[in-house]
Amino acid sequence: MADKLLIIMVNTDPANGSELGPPFFQATVAAAMEYEVEIVLSGRAGELAKKGVAEKLFVHEGSHKSVYDFIKDAHEAGVVIKLCTPALEIWGEDLIPEIAETVGGAYVISEAMNDDTVTFTY
């Protein structure tokens, strides 16, 4: 059985708040279950790594919990959050402190192909 969950957020559009909660919530739950968990933000979802963006986004209208709160919950639970390097060119280098490091495509592919890793994509 795999002991690592890799969540790749590449198709998630920050403009649609309802898409943003599940990946962070599931990552938090998996970390609480003592799995090793990583989230890699790439493509459009990479914008969430930029300071000031996730704080203004909400999963649903009327919620008092921002997407950044979900990110902080995941981080506090032990989820390692990474940013795909090309996203730096698009969204800039002023990143939220929860970003552990930047990684390239070879890292993502290597981790996804590992037999000990289950990969979810959003």
N, C-alpha and C. Protein backbone atom coordinates (compact mmCIF):
# COMPACT_ATOMS: atom_id res chain seq x y z
N MET A 1 0.84 -1.19 0.00
CA MET A 1 0.00 0.00 0.00
C MET A 1 0.88 1.24 0.00
N ALA A 2 0.47 2.23 -0.74
CA ALA A 2 1.21 3.48 -0.82
C ALA A 2 1.17 4.20 0.51
N ASP A 3 2.23 4.95 0.78
CA ASP A 3 2.27 5.73 2.03
C ASP A 3 2.38 7.23 1.78
N LYS A 4 2.28 7.62 0.50
CA LYS A 4 2.37 9.03 0.16
C LYS A 4 1.23 9.42 -0.78
N LEU A 5 0.66 10.60 -0.52
CA LEU A 5 -0.35 11.18 -1.40
C LEU A 5 0.24 12.43 -2.04
N LEU A 6 0.24 12.45 -3.35
CA LEU A 6 0.69 13.61 -4.11
C LEU A 6 -0.54 14.22 -4.77
N ILE A 7 -0.82 15.46 -4.43
CA ILE A 7 -1.93 16.17 -5.04
C ILE A 7 -1.35 17.22 -5.98
N ILE A 8 -1.71 17.13 -7.24
CA ILE A 8 -1.24 18.09 -8.23
C ILE A 8 -2.42 18.99 -8.60
N MET A 9 -2.29 20.25 -8.31
CA MET A 9 -3.33 21.22 -8.67
C MET A 9 -2.85 21.98 -9.89
N VAL A 10 -3.35 21.58 -11.05
CA VAL A 10 -2.93 22.21 -12.30
C VAL A 10 -4.14 22.70 -13.10
N ASN A 11 -5.27 22.03 -12.97
CA ASN A 11 -6.47 22.41 -13.71
C ASN A 11 -7.43 23.23 -12.86
N THR A 12 -7.10 23.44 -11.62
CA THR A 12 -7.95 24.17 -10.69
C THR A 12 -7.87 25.66 -10.99
N ASP A 13 -9.02 26.27 -11.17
CA ASP A 13 -9.07 27.69 -11.50
C ASP A 13 -9.41 28.50 -10.24
N PRO A 14 -8.49 29.34 -9.78
CA PRO A 14 -8.76 30.15 -8.60
C PRO A 14 -10.01 31.02 -8.72
N ALA A 15 -10.47 31.27 -9.93
CA ALA A 15 -11.68 32.07 -10.11
C ALA A 15 -12.94 31.30 -9.69
N ASN A 16 -12.83 29.99 -9.54
CA ASN A 16 -13.96 29.16 -9.13
C ASN A 16 -13.69 28.60 -7.74
N GLY A 17 -14.14 29.31 -6.72
CA GLY A 17 -13.86 28.95 -5.34
C GLY A 17 -14.26 27.54 -4.95
N SER A 18 -15.33 27.01 -5.52
CA SER A 18 -15.79 25.68 -5.14
C SER A 18 -14.80 24.59 -5.53
N GLU A 19 -13.87 24.89 -6.44
CA GLU A 19 -12.84 23.93 -6.83
C GLU A 19 -11.66 23.90 -5.86
N LEU A 20 -11.57 24.88 -4.99
CA LEU A 20 -10.36 25.06 -4.20
C LEU A 20 -10.36 24.34 -2.85
N GLY A 21 -11.51 24.11 -2.28
CA GLY A 21 -11.58 23.48 -0.97
C GLY A 21 -11.17 22.02 -0.94
N PRO A 22 -11.74 21.18 -1.83
CA PRO A 22 -11.49 19.74 -1.73
C PRO A 22 -10.01 19.32 -1.73
N PRO A 23 -9.16 19.84 -2.60
CA PRO A 23 -7.77 19.37 -2.57
C PRO A 23 -7.07 19.66 -1.23
N PHE A 24 -7.29 20.84 -0.68
CA PHE A 24 -6.64 21.18 0.59
C PHE A 24 -7.26 20.41 1.75
N PHE A 25 -8.58 20.24 1.72
CA PHE A 25 -9.26 19.49 2.77
C PHE A 25 -8.81 18.03 2.75
N GLN A 26 -8.78 17.41 1.57
CA GLN A 26 -8.36 16.01 1.48
C GLN A 26 -6.91 15.84 1.88
N ALA A 27 -6.07 16.79 1.55
CA ALA A 27 -4.67 16.73 1.96
C ALA A 27 -4.55 16.79 3.48
N THR A 28 -5.35 17.66 4.09
CA THR A 28 -5.33 17.79 5.56
C THR A 28 -5.78 16.49 6.21
N VAL A 29 -6.83 15.90 5.70
CA VAL A 29 -7.32 14.63 6.24
C VAL A 29 -6.27 13.54 6.10
N ALA A 30 -5.66 13.44 4.93
CA ALA A 30 -4.63 12.42 4.70
C ALA A 30 -3.44 12.61 5.65
N ALA A 31 -3.05 13.85 5.87
CA ALA A 31 -1.95 14.11 6.81
C ALA A 31 -2.35 13.72 8.23
N ALA A 32 -3.59 13.97 8.60
CA ALA A 32 -4.08 13.57 9.93
C ALA A 32 -4.10 12.05 10.08
N MET A 33 -4.24 11.36 8.95
CA MET A 33 -4.21 9.89 8.95
C MET A 33 -2.77 9.37 8.90
N GLU A 34 -1.83 10.29 9.00
CA GLU A 34 -0.39 10.00 9.07
C GLU A 34 0.22 9.54 7.76
N TYR A 35 -0.39 9.95 6.64
CA TYR A 35 0.25 9.75 5.35
C TYR A 35 1.17 10.93 5.07
N GLU A 36 2.20 10.68 4.30
CA GLU A 36 3.04 11.76 3.79
C GLU A 36 2.25 12.42 2.67
N VAL A 37 2.11 13.74 2.71
CA VAL A 37 1.27 14.42 1.74
C VAL A 37 1.99 15.63 1.16
N GLU A 38 1.95 15.75 -0.16
CA GLU A 38 2.48 16.92 -0.85
C GLU A 38 1.41 17.46 -1.79
N ILE A 39 1.35 18.77 -1.87
CA ILE A 39 0.55 19.43 -2.89
C ILE A 39 1.51 20.20 -3.78
N VAL A 40 1.38 20.02 -5.08
CA VAL A 40 2.16 20.80 -6.03
C VAL A 40 1.19 21.71 -6.78
N LEU A 41 1.43 23.00 -6.67
CA LEU A 41 0.64 24.00 -7.38
C LEU A 41 1.32 24.28 -8.72
N SER A 42 0.55 24.20 -9.77
CA SER A 42 1.10 24.42 -11.10
C SER A 42 0.05 25.10 -11.96
N GLY A 43 0.46 25.59 -13.11
CA GLY A 43 -0.49 26.24 -14.01
C GLY A 43 -1.24 27.36 -13.33
N ARG A 44 -2.52 27.45 -13.63
CA ARG A 44 -3.35 28.52 -13.08
C ARG A 44 -3.43 28.46 -11.55
N ALA A 45 -3.40 27.24 -10.98
CA ALA A 45 -3.45 27.08 -9.53
C ALA A 45 -2.22 27.67 -8.84
N GLY A 46 -1.15 27.86 -9.59
CA GLY A 46 0.06 28.45 -9.03
C GLY A 46 -0.17 29.85 -8.48
N GLU A 47 -1.21 30.51 -8.96
CA GLU A 47 -1.54 31.85 -8.47
C GLU A 47 -1.86 31.83 -6.97
N LEU A 48 -2.29 30.70 -6.44
CA LEU A 48 -2.61 30.58 -5.02
C LEU A 48 -1.37 30.76 -4.14
N ALA A 49 -0.20 30.56 -4.70
CA ALA A 49 1.04 30.71 -3.95
C ALA A 49 1.45 32.17 -3.79
N LYS A 50 0.85 33.04 -4.56
CA LYS A 50 1.19 34.46 -4.52
C LYS A 50 0.53 35.12 -3.31
N LYS A 51 1.33 35.84 -2.55
CA LYS A 51 0.80 36.55 -1.38
C LYS A 51 -0.39 37.42 -1.77
N GLY A 52 -1.43 37.36 -0.95
CA GLY A 52 -2.59 38.21 -1.14
C GLY A 52 -3.69 37.63 -2.00
N VAL A 53 -3.43 36.53 -2.70
CA VAL A 53 -4.44 35.96 -3.60
C VAL A 53 -5.43 35.07 -2.83
N ALA A 54 -4.92 34.03 -2.18
CA ALA A 54 -5.79 33.05 -1.51
C ALA A 54 -6.58 33.67 -0.36
N GLU A 55 -6.05 34.74 0.23
CA GLU A 55 -6.76 35.41 1.33
C GLU A 55 -8.08 36.03 0.87
N LYS A 56 -8.17 36.34 -0.41
CA LYS A 56 -9.36 37.01 -0.95
C LYS A 56 -10.35 36.03 -1.58
N LEU A 57 -10.00 34.74 -1.59
CA LEU A 57 -10.85 33.74 -2.23
C LEU A 57 -11.57 32.90 -1.18
N PHE A 58 -12.79 32.51 -1.50
CA PHE A 58 -13.61 31.71 -0.59
C PHE A 58 -14.21 30.55 -1.35
N VAL A 59 -14.35 29.41 -0.66
CA VAL A 59 -14.89 28.21 -1.28
C VAL A 59 -16.35 28.41 -1.68
N HIS A 60 -17.08 29.15 -0.87
CA HIS A 60 -18.46 29.47 -1.23
C HIS A 60 -18.84 30.82 -0.64
N GLU A 61 -19.81 31.43 -1.25
CA GLU A 61 -20.27 32.75 -0.82
C GLU A 61 -20.77 32.68 0.62
N GLY A 62 -20.38 33.65 1.41
CA GLY A 62 -20.81 33.72 2.80
C GLY A 62 -19.88 33.02 3.77
N SER A 63 -18.90 32.31 3.27
CA SER A 63 -17.96 31.62 4.14
C SER A 63 -17.03 32.63 4.80
N HIS A 64 -16.71 32.37 6.05
CA HIS A 64 -15.76 33.23 6.76
C HIS A 64 -14.35 32.65 6.69
N LYS A 65 -14.22 31.47 6.10
CA LYS A 65 -12.93 30.80 5.98
C LYS A 65 -12.41 30.97 4.56
N SER A 66 -11.29 31.63 4.43
CA SER A 66 -10.70 31.86 3.10
C SER A 66 -9.96 30.62 2.62
N VAL A 67 -9.64 30.61 1.34
CA VAL A 67 -8.82 29.53 0.79
C VAL A 67 -7.46 29.52 1.48
N TYR A 68 -6.98 30.69 1.85
CA TYR A 68 -5.70 30.73 2.57
C TYR A 68 -5.82 30.02 3.92
N ASP A 69 -6.97 30.10 4.56
CA ASP A 69 -7.18 29.36 5.81
C ASP A 69 -7.08 27.86 5.56
N PHE A 70 -7.63 27.38 4.43
CA PHE A 70 -7.50 25.97 4.07
C PHE A 70 -6.03 25.60 3.85
N ILE A 71 -5.30 26.48 3.19
CA ILE A 71 -3.87 26.25 2.95
C ILE A 71 -3.12 26.16 4.28
N LYS A 72 -3.41 27.09 5.19
CA LYS A 72 -2.74 27.08 6.50
C LYS A 72 -3.10 25.82 7.29
N ASP A 73 -4.36 25.40 7.24
CA ASP A 73 -4.77 24.16 7.92
C ASP A 73 -3.97 22.97 7.40
N ALA A 74 -3.85 22.87 6.08
CA ALA A 74 -3.10 21.77 5.48
C ALA A 74 -1.64 21.81 5.92
N HIS A 75 -1.06 22.98 5.86
CA HIS A 75 0.35 23.15 6.24
C HIS A 75 0.56 22.76 7.71
N GLU A 76 -0.34 23.23 8.57
CA GLU A 76 -0.22 22.92 10.01
C GLU A 76 -0.40 21.42 10.28
N ALA A 77 -1.14 20.72 9.42
CA ALA A 77 -1.34 19.28 9.58
C ALA A 77 -0.13 18.48 9.08
N GLY A 78 0.80 19.16 8.42
CA GLY A 78 2.00 18.49 7.94
C GLY A 78 2.11 18.35 6.44
N VAL A 79 1.15 18.90 5.71
CA VAL A 79 1.19 18.84 4.25
C VAL A 79 2.31 19.75 3.75
N VAL A 80 3.12 19.24 2.84
CA VAL A 80 4.19 20.02 2.24
C VAL A 80 3.65 20.59 0.93
N ILE A 81 3.70 21.90 0.81
CA ILE A 81 3.16 22.58 -0.37
C ILE A 81 4.30 23.11 -1.22
N LYS A 82 4.28 22.72 -2.50
CA LYS A 82 5.35 23.11 -3.42
C LYS A 82 4.75 23.83 -4.61
N LEU A 83 5.59 24.57 -5.28
CA LEU A 83 5.18 25.33 -6.45
C LEU A 83 6.03 24.90 -7.63
N CYS A 84 5.38 24.65 -8.75
CA CYS A 84 6.10 24.29 -9.96
C CYS A 84 6.88 25.52 -10.46
N THR A 85 8.13 25.35 -10.75
CA THR A 85 9.03 26.45 -11.09
C THR A 85 8.50 27.40 -12.17
N PRO A 86 7.92 26.90 -13.27
CA PRO A 86 7.43 27.83 -14.29
C PRO A 86 6.37 28.81 -13.77
N ALA A 87 5.68 28.45 -12.71
CA ALA A 87 4.66 29.35 -12.15
C ALA A 87 5.28 30.63 -11.61
N LEU A 88 6.55 30.57 -11.22
CA LEU A 88 7.23 31.77 -10.73
C LEU A 88 7.29 32.84 -11.82
N GLU A 89 7.51 32.41 -13.06
CA GLU A 89 7.58 33.34 -14.18
C GLU A 89 6.23 34.01 -14.44
N ILE A 90 5.16 33.26 -14.17
CA ILE A 90 3.81 33.79 -14.43
C ILE A 90 3.32 34.65 -13.28
N TRP A 91 3.45 34.14 -12.04
CA TRP A 91 2.81 34.77 -10.89
C TRP A 91 3.76 35.56 -10.00
N GLY A 92 5.06 35.47 -10.24
CA GLY A 92 6.02 36.23 -9.45
C GLY A 92 6.56 35.45 -8.27
N GLU A 93 7.49 36.08 -7.56
CA GLU A 93 8.21 35.39 -6.50
C GLU A 93 7.81 35.84 -5.10
N ASP A 94 6.77 36.63 -4.95
CA ASP A 94 6.30 37.06 -3.64
C ASP A 94 5.33 36.01 -3.13
N LEU A 95 5.88 34.95 -2.50
CA LEU A 95 5.10 33.77 -2.17
C LEU A 95 4.65 33.73 -0.72
N ILE A 96 3.55 33.00 -0.49
CA ILE A 96 3.10 32.77 0.88
C ILE A 96 4.14 31.91 1.60
N PRO A 97 4.26 32.05 2.91
CA PRO A 97 5.31 31.33 3.63
C PRO A 97 5.09 29.81 3.68
N GLU A 98 3.92 29.33 3.35
CA GLU A 98 3.64 27.90 3.38
C GLU A 98 4.26 27.13 2.21
N ILE A 99 4.78 27.83 1.23
CA ILE A 99 5.44 27.17 0.09
C ILE A 99 6.81 26.70 0.55
N ALA A 100 7.01 25.38 0.53
CA ALA A 100 8.26 24.79 1.01
C ALA A 100 9.40 24.95 0.01
N GLU A 101 9.08 24.82 -1.27
CA GLU A 101 10.10 24.90 -2.30
C GLU A 101 9.45 24.94 -3.67
N THR A 102 10.26 25.21 -4.66
CA THR A 102 9.80 25.12 -6.04
C THR A 102 10.39 23.85 -6.65
N VAL A 103 9.62 23.23 -7.54
CA VAL A 103 10.05 21.98 -8.16
C VAL A 103 9.76 22.04 -9.65
N GLY A 104 10.49 21.27 -10.40
CA GLY A 104 10.30 21.22 -11.84
C GLY A 104 9.45 20.04 -12.27
N GLY A 105 9.20 19.96 -13.54
CA GLY A 105 8.39 18.90 -14.11
C GLY A 105 8.95 17.51 -13.86
N ALA A 106 10.27 17.37 -13.89
CA ALA A 106 10.89 16.06 -13.65
C ALA A 106 10.58 15.56 -12.25
N TYR A 107 10.55 16.46 -11.28
CA TYR A 107 10.21 16.06 -9.91
C TYR A 107 8.79 15.53 -9.85
N VAL A 108 7.86 16.24 -10.46
CA VAL A 108 6.45 15.85 -10.43
C VAL A 108 6.26 14.48 -11.08
N ILE A 109 6.87 14.28 -12.22
CA ILE A 109 6.75 13.01 -12.92
C ILE A 109 7.38 11.88 -12.11
N SER A 110 8.56 12.13 -11.56
CA SER A 110 9.24 11.12 -10.77
C SER A 110 8.41 10.69 -9.56
N GLU A 111 7.83 11.66 -8.86
CA GLU A 111 7.01 11.35 -7.69
C GLU A 111 5.73 10.62 -8.10
N ALA A 112 5.09 11.06 -9.17
CA ALA A 112 3.85 10.44 -9.61
C ALA A 112 4.07 9.00 -10.07
N MET A 113 5.23 8.69 -10.59
CA MET A 113 5.53 7.35 -11.08
C MET A 113 6.00 6.40 -9.98
N ASN A 114 6.26 6.93 -8.80
CA ASN A 114 6.74 6.12 -7.68
C ASN A 114 5.64 5.17 -7.21
N ASP A 115 5.97 3.89 -7.04
CA ASP A 115 4.99 2.89 -6.61
C ASP A 115 4.43 3.16 -5.22
N ASP A 116 5.14 3.91 -4.41
CA ASP A 116 4.69 4.20 -3.05
C ASP A 116 3.83 5.47 -2.96
N THR A 117 3.49 6.03 -4.13
CA THR A 117 2.74 7.28 -4.17
C THR A 117 1.43 7.09 -4.91
N VAL A 118 0.37 7.65 -4.31
CA VAL A 118 -0.92 7.77 -5.01
C VAL A 118 -1.04 9.22 -5.42
N THR A 119 -1.45 9.47 -6.66
CA THR A 119 -1.52 10.82 -7.18
C THR A 119 -2.97 11.20 -7.50
N PHE A 120 -3.39 12.33 -6.94
CA PHE A 120 -4.68 12.94 -7.28
C PHE A 120 -4.38 14.18 -8.08
N THR A 121 -5.18 14.49 -9.07
CA THR A 121 -5.02 15.73 -9.79
C THR A 121 -6.33 16.53 -9.75
N TYR A 122 -6.17 17.81 -9.65
CA TYR A 122 -7.30 18.72 -9.62
C TYR A 122 -7.03 19.85 -10.60
